[in-house]
């Protein structure tokens, strides 16, 4: 066998080993990424002693966080007149509308995130545990929410758009985007109220001692 053939054979073996190594590294990276994403979109983060307790506690925490953000948006609207001596309405009202949109938008994304995390967390539960969480799942099925892009599209929400235009004609045209986002916020608050009621019912069905921070158990 000539030296050139030996060189080509050795090069082929080297490339094959490198390819196998590369494939193994890629597989490892995708596995690690999948594990991280699963943990990110799940309420079952160790340490926890009871899966149902951890899920209920996690959803309750996310609901309270969304409520706080919505209250912030509403507070900015109520306090907008306080800044009147410092800036004209043409400056204040668009800023208020933007803050309102950010708060309502966060609440919508948080709602979809809760739904994904709940679905991911329940994948490995047994039938009895899933039965306890059935009422919470039913809320997301009963009140499905469109994507944030669709909700912000005035042509796909004609009733809300018409009410916003009417309010702007009566009060001030600059209030139209605020009224539009207010309608979105009212919907988000209704969903959070429904979730809160169901969470309380689920807590009453299981041992109240278990409903606490899983990391402190």
C-alpha atoms as a PDB file:
ATOM      1  CA  UNK A   1       0.000   0.000   0.000  1.00  0.00           C
ATOM      2  CA  UNK A   2       1.432   3.377  -0.970  1.00  0.00           C
ATOM      3  CA  UNK A   3       2.071   6.151   1.505  1.00  0.00           C
ATOM      4  CA  UNK A   4      -0.585   8.333  -0.133  1.00  0.00           C
ATOM      5  CA  UNK A   5      -3.264   5.669   0.375  1.00  0.00           C
ATOM      6  CA  UNK A   6      -2.219   5.228   4.007  1.00  0.00           C
ATOM      7  CA  UNK A   7      -2.445   8.996   4.482  1.00  0.00           C
ATOM      8  CA  UNK A   8      -5.945   9.137   2.978  1.00  0.00           C
ATOM      9  CA  UNK A   9      -7.041   6.169   5.110  1.00  0.00           C
ATOM     10  CA  UNK A  10      -5.709   7.809   8.281  1.00  0.00           C
ATOM     11  CA  UNK A  11      -7.400  11.094   7.355  1.00  0.00           C
ATOM     12  CA  UNK A  12     -10.729   9.322   6.829  1.00  0.00           C
ATOM     13  CA  UNK A  13     -10.485   7.645  10.239  1.00  0.00           C
ATOM     14  CA  UNK A  14      -9.630  10.991  11.868  1.00  0.00           C
ATOM     15  CA  UNK A  15     -12.592  12.731  10.245  1.00  0.00           C
ATOM     16  CA  UNK A  16     -14.924   9.893  11.262  1.00  0.00           C
ATOM     17  CA  UNK A  17     -13.818  10.187  14.874  1.00  0.00           C
ATOM     18  CA  UNK A  18     -14.227  13.952  14.779  1.00  0.00           C
ATOM     19  CA  UNK A  19     -17.694  13.585  13.254  1.00  0.00           C
ATOM     20  CA  UNK A  20     -18.708  11.117  15.963  1.00  0.00           C
ATOM     21  CA  UNK A  21     -17.350  13.448  18.628  1.00  0.00           C
ATOM     22  CA  UNK A  22     -19.163  16.423  17.096  1.00  0.00           C
ATOM     23  CA  UNK A  23     -22.435  14.509  16.921  1.00  0.00           C
ATOM     24  CA  UNK A  24     -22.063  13.499  20.563  1.00  0.00           C
ATOM     25  CA  UNK A  25     -21.390  17.116  21.586  1.00  0.00           C
ATOM     26  CA  UNK A  26     -24.372  18.399  19.611  1.00  0.00           C
ATOM     27  CA  UNK A  27     -26.605  15.735  21.137  1.00  0.00           C
ATOM     28  CA  UNK A  28     -25.345  16.652  24.594  1.00  0.00           C
ATOM     29  CA  UNK A  29     -25.985  20.366  24.025  1.00  0.00           C
ATOM     30  CA  UNK A  30     -29.540  19.746  22.770  1.00  0.00           C
ATOM     31  CA  UNK A  31     -30.230  17.456  25.727  1.00  0.00           C
ATOM     32  CA  UNK A  32     -28.946  20.094  28.147  1.00  0.00           C
ATOM     33  CA  UNK A  33     -30.977  22.811  26.407  1.00  0.00           C
ATOM     34  CA  UNK A  34     -34.109  20.654  26.591  1.00  0.00           C
ATOM     35  CA  UNK A  35     -33.547  20.024  30.297  1.00  0.00           C
ATOM     36  CA  UNK A  36     -33.114  23.725  30.968  1.00  0.00           C
ATOM     37  CA  UNK A  37     -36.271  24.615  29.009  1.00  0.00           C
ATOM     38  CA  UNK A  38     -38.241  21.916  30.827  1.00  0.00           C
ATOM     39  CA  UNK A  39     -37.197  23.328  34.183  1.00  0.00           C
ATOM     40  CA  UNK A  40     -37.925  26.876  33.018  1.00  0.00           C
ATOM     41  CA  UNK A  41     -41.480  26.012  31.968  1.00  0.00           C
ATOM     42  CA  UNK A  42     -42.399  23.858  34.936  1.00  0.00           C
ATOM     43  CA  UNK A  43     -43.603  24.440  38.467  1.00  0.00           C
ATOM     44  CA  UNK A  44     -41.853  21.302  39.698  1.00  0.00           C
ATOM     45  CA  UNK A  45     -38.484  22.685  40.684  1.00  0.00           C
ATOM     46  CA  UNK A  46     -36.704  20.791  43.460  1.00  0.00           C
ATOM     47  CA  UNK A  47     -36.719  20.684  46.359  1.00  0.00           C
ATOM     48  CA  UNK A  48     -40.393  19.840  46.884  1.00  0.00           C
ATOM     49  CA  UNK A  49     -42.186  17.117  48.835  1.00  0.00           C
ATOM     50  CA  UNK A  50     -45.589  17.269  47.192  1.00  0.00           C
ATOM     51  CA  UNK A  51     -46.077  17.868  43.454  1.00  0.00           C
ATOM     52  CA  UNK A  52     -49.607  19.257  43.735  1.00  0.00           C
ATOM     53  CA  UNK A  53     -48.511  21.632  46.478  1.00  0.00           C
ATOM     54  CA  UNK A  54     -45.594  22.901  44.390  1.00  0.00           C
ATOM     55  CA  UNK A  55     -47.805  23.460  41.336  1.00  0.00           C
ATOM     56  CA  UNK A  56     -50.554  25.249  43.250  1.00  0.00           C
ATOM     57  CA  UNK A  57     -48.023  27.421  45.053  1.00  0.00           C
ATOM     58  CA  UNK A  58     -46.297  28.301  41.767  1.00  0.00           C
ATOM     59  CA  UNK A  59     -49.513  29.260  39.986  1.00  0.00           C
ATOM     60  CA  UNK A  60     -50.674  31.301  42.961  1.00  0.00           C
ATOM     61  CA  UNK A  61     -47.357  33.169  42.974  1.00  0.00           C
ATOM     62  CA  UNK A  62     -47.613  33.918  39.236  1.00  0.00           C
ATOM     63  CA  UNK A  63     -51.201  35.110  39.626  1.00  0.00           C
ATOM     64  CA  UNK A  64     -50.244  37.499  42.429  1.00  0.00           C
ATOM     65  CA  UNK A  65     -47.334  38.807  40.381  1.00  0.00           C
ATOM     66  CA  UNK A  66     -49.640  39.522  37.424  1.00  0.00           C
ATOM     67  CA  UNK A  67     -52.126  41.259  39.723  1.00  0.00           C
ATOM     68  CA  UNK A  68     -49.387  43.541  41.046  1.00  0.00           C
ATOM     69  CA  UNK A  69     -48.352  44.518  37.525  1.00  0.00           C
ATOM     70  CA  UNK A  70     -51.954  45.275  36.518  1.00  0.00           C
ATOM     71  CA  UNK A  71     -52.415  47.415  39.618  1.00  0.00           C
ATOM     72  CA  UNK A  72     -49.283  49.322  38.651  1.00  0.00           C
ATOM     73  CA  UNK A  73     -50.745  50.079  35.241  1.00  0.00           C
ATOM     74  CA  UNK A  74     -54.051  51.199  36.717  1.00  0.00           C
ATOM     75  CA  UNK A  75     -52.232  53.350  39.254  1.00  0.00           C
ATOM     76  CA  UNK A  76     -50.305  55.133  36.518  1.00  0.00           C
ATOM     77  CA  UNK A  77     -53.569  55.996  34.783  1.00  0.00           C
ATOM     78  CA  UNK A  78     -55.096  57.331  37.989  1.00  0.00           C
ATOM     79  CA  UNK A  79     -52.006  59.404  38.782  1.00  0.00           C
ATOM     80  CA  UNK A  80     -51.600  60.795  35.277  1.00  0.00           C
ATOM     81  CA  UNK A  81     -53.316  64.051  36.224  1.00  0.00           C
ATOM     82  CA  UNK A  82     -50.679  64.584  38.935  1.00  0.00           C
ATOM     83  CA  UNK A  83     -48.041  65.215  36.282  1.00  0.00           C
ATOM     84  CA  UNK A  84     -50.170  67.784  34.434  1.00  0.00           C
ATOM     85  CA  UNK A  85     -48.236  70.809  35.841  1.00  0.00           C
ATOM     86  CA  UNK A  86     -44.955  69.370  34.587  1.00  0.00           C
ATOM     87  CA  UNK A  87     -45.826  68.226  31.070  1.00  0.00           C
ATOM     88  CA  UNK A  88     -48.635  68.700  28.528  1.00  0.00           C
ATOM     89  CA  UNK A  89     -51.186  65.951  27.843  1.00  0.00           C
ATOM     90  CA  UNK A  90     -49.557  65.284  24.470  1.00  0.00           C
ATOM     91  CA  UNK A  91     -46.551  63.967  26.410  1.00  0.00           C
ATOM     92  CA  UNK A  92     -48.142  62.446  29.499  1.00  0.00           C
ATOM     93  CA  UNK A  93     -50.987  60.478  27.910  1.00  0.00           C
ATOM     94  CA  UNK A  94     -48.865  58.592  25.324  1.00  0.00           C
ATOM     95  CA  UNK A  95     -46.436  57.624  28.106  1.00  0.00           C
ATOM     96  CA  UNK A  96     -49.310  56.424  30.276  1.00  0.00           C
ATOM     97  CA  UNK A  97     -50.707  54.437  27.346  1.00  0.00           C
ATOM     98  CA  UNK A  98     -47.299  52.830  26.796  1.00  0.00           C
ATOM     99  CA  UNK A  99     -47.013  51.857  30.477  1.00  0.00           C
ATOM    100  CA  UNK A 100     -50.562  50.534  30.385  1.00  0.00           C
ATOM    101  CA  UNK A 101     -49.731  48.476  27.295  1.00  0.00           C
ATOM    102  CA  UNK A 102     -46.603  47.037  28.910  1.00  0.00           C
ATOM    103  CA  UNK A 103     -48.499  46.028  32.057  1.00  0.00           C
ATOM    104  CA  UNK A 104     -51.407  44.451  30.188  1.00  0.00           C
ATOM    105  CA  UNK A 105     -48.996  42.801  27.751  1.00  0.00           C
ATOM    106  CA  UNK A 106     -46.991  41.299  30.598  1.00  0.00           C
ATOM    107  CA  UNK A 107     -50.178  39.938  32.159  1.00  0.00           C
ATOM    108  CA  UNK A 108     -51.129  38.288  28.849  1.00  0.00           C
ATOM    109  CA  UNK A 109     -47.700  36.678  28.404  1.00  0.00           C
ATOM    110  CA  UNK A 110     -47.770  35.572  32.028  1.00  0.00           C
ATOM    111  CA  UNK A 111     -51.168  33.936  31.450  1.00  0.00           C
ATOM    112  CA  UNK A 112     -49.834  31.916  28.513  1.00  0.00           C
ATOM    113  CA  UNK A 113     -46.693  31.069  30.475  1.00  0.00           C
ATOM    114  CA  UNK A 114     -48.759  29.743  33.382  1.00  0.00           C
ATOM    115  CA  UNK A 115     -50.702  27.544  30.991  1.00  0.00           C
ATOM    116  CA  UNK A 116     -47.510  26.089  29.488  1.00  0.00           C
ATOM    117  CA  UNK A 117     -45.899  25.544  32.870  1.00  0.00           C
ATOM    118  CA  UNK A 118     -49.016  23.836  34.212  1.00  0.00           C
ATOM    119  CA  UNK A 119     -49.200  21.521  31.217  1.00  0.00           C
ATOM    120  CA  UNK A 120     -45.513  20.649  31.510  1.00  0.00           C
ATOM    121  CA  UNK A 121     -45.749  20.080  35.260  1.00  0.00           C
ATOM    122  CA  UNK A 122     -48.726  17.735  34.973  1.00  0.00           C
ATOM    123  CA  UNK A 123     -47.106  15.489  32.367  1.00  0.00           C
ATOM    124  CA  UNK A 124     -45.551  13.178  34.953  1.00  0.00           C
ATOM    125  CA  UNK A 125     -48.333  13.218  37.566  1.00  0.00           C
ATOM    126  CA  UNK A 126     -50.560  10.277  38.365  1.00  0.00           C
ATOM    127  CA  UNK A 127     -54.326  10.273  37.833  1.00  0.00           C
ATOM    128  CA  UNK A 128     -55.237  11.359  41.367  1.00  0.00           C
ATOM    129  CA  UNK A 129     -52.952  14.385  41.302  1.00  0.00           C
ATOM    130  CA  UNK A 130     -54.223  15.399  37.862  1.00  0.00           C
ATOM    131  CA  UNK A 131     -57.769  15.133  39.187  1.00  0.00           C
ATOM    132  CA  UNK A 132     -56.966  17.633  41.940  1.00  0.00           C
ATOM    133  CA  UNK A 133     -55.667  20.118  39.382  1.00  0.00           C
ATOM    134  CA  UNK A 134     -58.486  19.564  36.908  1.00  0.00           C
ATOM    135  CA  UNK A 135     -60.347  22.728  37.966  1.00  0.00           C
ATOM    136  CA  UNK A 136     -57.284  24.906  37.313  1.00  0.00           C
ATOM    137  CA  UNK A 137     -56.822  23.350  33.882  1.00  0.00           C
ATOM    138  CA  UNK A 138     -60.489  24.003  33.114  1.00  0.00           C
ATOM    139  CA  UNK A 139     -59.999  27.746  33.653  1.00  0.00           C
ATOM    140  CA  UNK A 140     -57.426  27.929  30.868  1.00  0.00           C
ATOM    141  CA  UNK A 141     -59.709  25.892  28.608  1.00  0.00           C
ATOM    142  CA  UNK A 142     -62.773  27.957  29.489  1.00  0.00           C
ATOM    143  CA  UNK A 143     -60.982  31.289  29.001  1.00  0.00           C
ATOM    144  CA  UNK A 144     -58.531  30.769  26.131  1.00  0.00           C
ATOM    145  CA  UNK A 145     -56.693  33.958  25.289  1.00  0.00           C
ATOM    146  CA  UNK A 146     -55.405  34.967  21.846  1.00  0.00           C
ATOM    147  CA  UNK A 147     -51.796  35.906  21.281  1.00  0.00           C
ATOM    148  CA  UNK A 148     -50.569  39.322  22.339  1.00  0.00           C
ATOM    149  CA  UNK A 149     -50.165  40.367  18.701  1.00  0.00           C
ATOM    150  CA  UNK A 150     -53.823  39.574  17.953  1.00  0.00           C
ATOM    151  CA  UNK A 151     -54.989  41.406  21.067  1.00  0.00           C
ATOM    152  CA  UNK A 152     -53.067  44.530  20.078  1.00  0.00           C
ATOM    153  CA  UNK A 153     -54.520  44.481  16.570  1.00  0.00           C
ATOM    154  CA  UNK A 154     -57.484  46.935  16.536  1.00  0.00           C
ATOM    155  CA  UNK A 155     -58.937  45.322  13.409  1.00  0.00           C
ATOM    156  CA  UNK A 156     -59.315  41.990  15.239  1.00  0.00           C
ATOM    157  CA  UNK A 157     -60.979  43.616  18.255  1.00  0.00           C
ATOM    158  CA  UNK A 158     -63.575  45.860  16.650  1.00  0.00           C
ATOM    159  CA  UNK A 159     -65.827  46.154  19.708  1.00  0.00           C
ATOM    160  CA  UNK A 160     -62.957  47.308  21.912  1.00  0.00           C
ATOM    161  CA  UNK A 161     -61.730  49.621  19.164  1.00  0.00           C
ATOM    162  CA  UNK A 162     -65.164  51.215  18.771  1.00  0.00           C
ATOM    163  CA  UNK A 163     -65.483  51.786  22.523  1.00  0.00           C
ATOM    164  CA  UNK A 164     -62.003  53.340  22.592  1.00  0.00           C
ATOM    165  CA  UNK A 165     -62.823  55.674  19.712  1.00  0.00           C
ATOM    166  CA  UNK A 166     -66.091  56.676  21.376  1.00  0.00           C
ATOM    167  CA  UNK A 167     -64.278  57.407  24.658  1.00  0.00           C
ATOM    168  CA  UNK A 168     -61.676  59.434  22.796  1.00  0.00           C
ATOM    169  CA  UNK A 169     -64.373  61.498  21.081  1.00  0.00           C
ATOM    170  CA  UNK A 170     -66.091  62.210  24.388  1.00  0.00           C
ATOM    171  CA  UNK A 171     -62.971  62.982  26.446  1.00  0.00           C
ATOM    172  CA  UNK A 172     -59.788  63.359  24.425  1.00  0.00           C
ATOM    173  CA  UNK A 173     -58.444  61.559  21.329  1.00  0.00           C
ATOM    174  CA  UNK A 174     -55.202  60.909  23.204  1.00  0.00           C
ATOM    175  CA  UNK A 175     -57.156  58.664  25.564  1.00  0.00           C
ATOM    176  CA  UNK A 176     -58.105  56.217  22.794  1.00  0.00           C
ATOM    177  CA  UNK A 177     -55.052  53.932  23.209  1.00  0.00           C
ATOM    178  CA  UNK A 178     -55.509  54.065  26.982  1.00  0.00           C
ATOM    179  CA  UNK A 179     -59.139  52.979  26.697  1.00  0.00           C
ATOM    180  CA  UNK A 180     -58.110  50.225  24.294  1.00  0.00           C
ATOM    181  CA  UNK A 181     -55.534  48.828  26.700  1.00  0.00           C
ATOM    182  CA  UNK A 182     -57.953  49.268  29.592  1.00  0.00           C
ATOM    183  CA  UNK A 183     -60.353  46.886  27.871  1.00  0.00           C
ATOM    184  CA  UNK A 184     -57.527  44.381  27.548  1.00  0.00           C
ATOM    185  CA  UNK A 185     -56.600  44.847  31.210  1.00  0.00           C
ATOM    186  CA  UNK A 186     -60.194  44.234  32.336  1.00  0.00           C
ATOM    187  CA  UNK A 187     -60.110  40.910  30.509  1.00  0.00           C
ATOM    188  CA  UNK A 188     -56.822  39.967  32.147  1.00  0.00           C
ATOM    189  CA  UNK A 189     -58.171  40.840  35.586  1.00  0.00           C
ATOM    190  CA  UNK A 190     -61.250  38.681  34.985  1.00  0.00           C
ATOM    191  CA  UNK A 191     -59.036  35.713  34.129  1.00  0.00           C
ATOM    192  CA  UNK A 192     -56.901  36.230  37.223  1.00  0.00           C
ATOM    193  CA  UNK A 193     -60.007  36.442  39.421  1.00  0.00           C
ATOM    194  CA  UNK A 194     -61.270  33.152  37.974  1.00  0.00           C
ATOM    195  CA  UNK A 195     -57.892  31.527  38.600  1.00  0.00           C
ATOM    196  CA  UNK A 196     -57.772  32.841  42.160  1.00  0.00           C
ATOM    197  CA  UNK A 197     -61.179  31.380  42.998  1.00  0.00           C
ATOM    198  CA  UNK A 198     -60.226  27.978  41.602  1.00  0.00           C
ATOM    199  CA  UNK A 199     -56.867  28.000  43.390  1.00  0.00           C
ATOM    200  CA  UNK A 200     -58.657  28.635  46.695  1.00  0.00           C
ATOM    201  CA  UNK A 201     -61.007  25.727  45.990  1.00  0.00           C
ATOM    202  CA  UNK A 202     -58.075  23.421  45.240  1.00  0.00           C
ATOM    203  CA  UNK A 203     -56.285  24.534  48.397  1.00  0.00           C
ATOM    204  CA  UNK A 204     -59.379  23.672  50.420  1.00  0.00           C
ATOM    205  CA  UNK A 205     -59.448  20.190  48.919  1.00  0.00           C
ATOM    206  CA  UNK A 206     -55.908  19.278  49.866  1.00  0.00           C
ATOM    207  CA  UNK A 207     -54.053  19.576  53.128  1.00  0.00           C
ATOM    208  CA  UNK A 208     -53.654  23.327  53.860  1.00  0.00           C
ATOM    209  CA  UNK A 209     -50.322  22.596  55.497  1.00  0.00           C
ATOM    210  CA  UNK A 210     -48.936  21.615  52.102  1.00  0.00           C
ATOM    211  CA  UNK A 211     -49.745  24.951  50.493  1.00  0.00           C
ATOM    212  CA  UNK A 212     -46.537  26.801  51.206  1.00  0.00           C
ATOM    213  CA  UNK A 213     -43.237  27.555  49.559  1.00  0.00           C
ATOM    214  CA  UNK A 214     -41.858  24.125  48.503  1.00  0.00           C
ATOM    215  CA  UNK A 215     -38.289  25.318  49.044  1.00  0.00           C
ATOM    216  CA  UNK A 216     -39.060  25.916  52.738  1.00  0.00           C
ATOM    217  CA  UNK A 217     -40.499  22.487  53.362  1.00  0.00           C
END
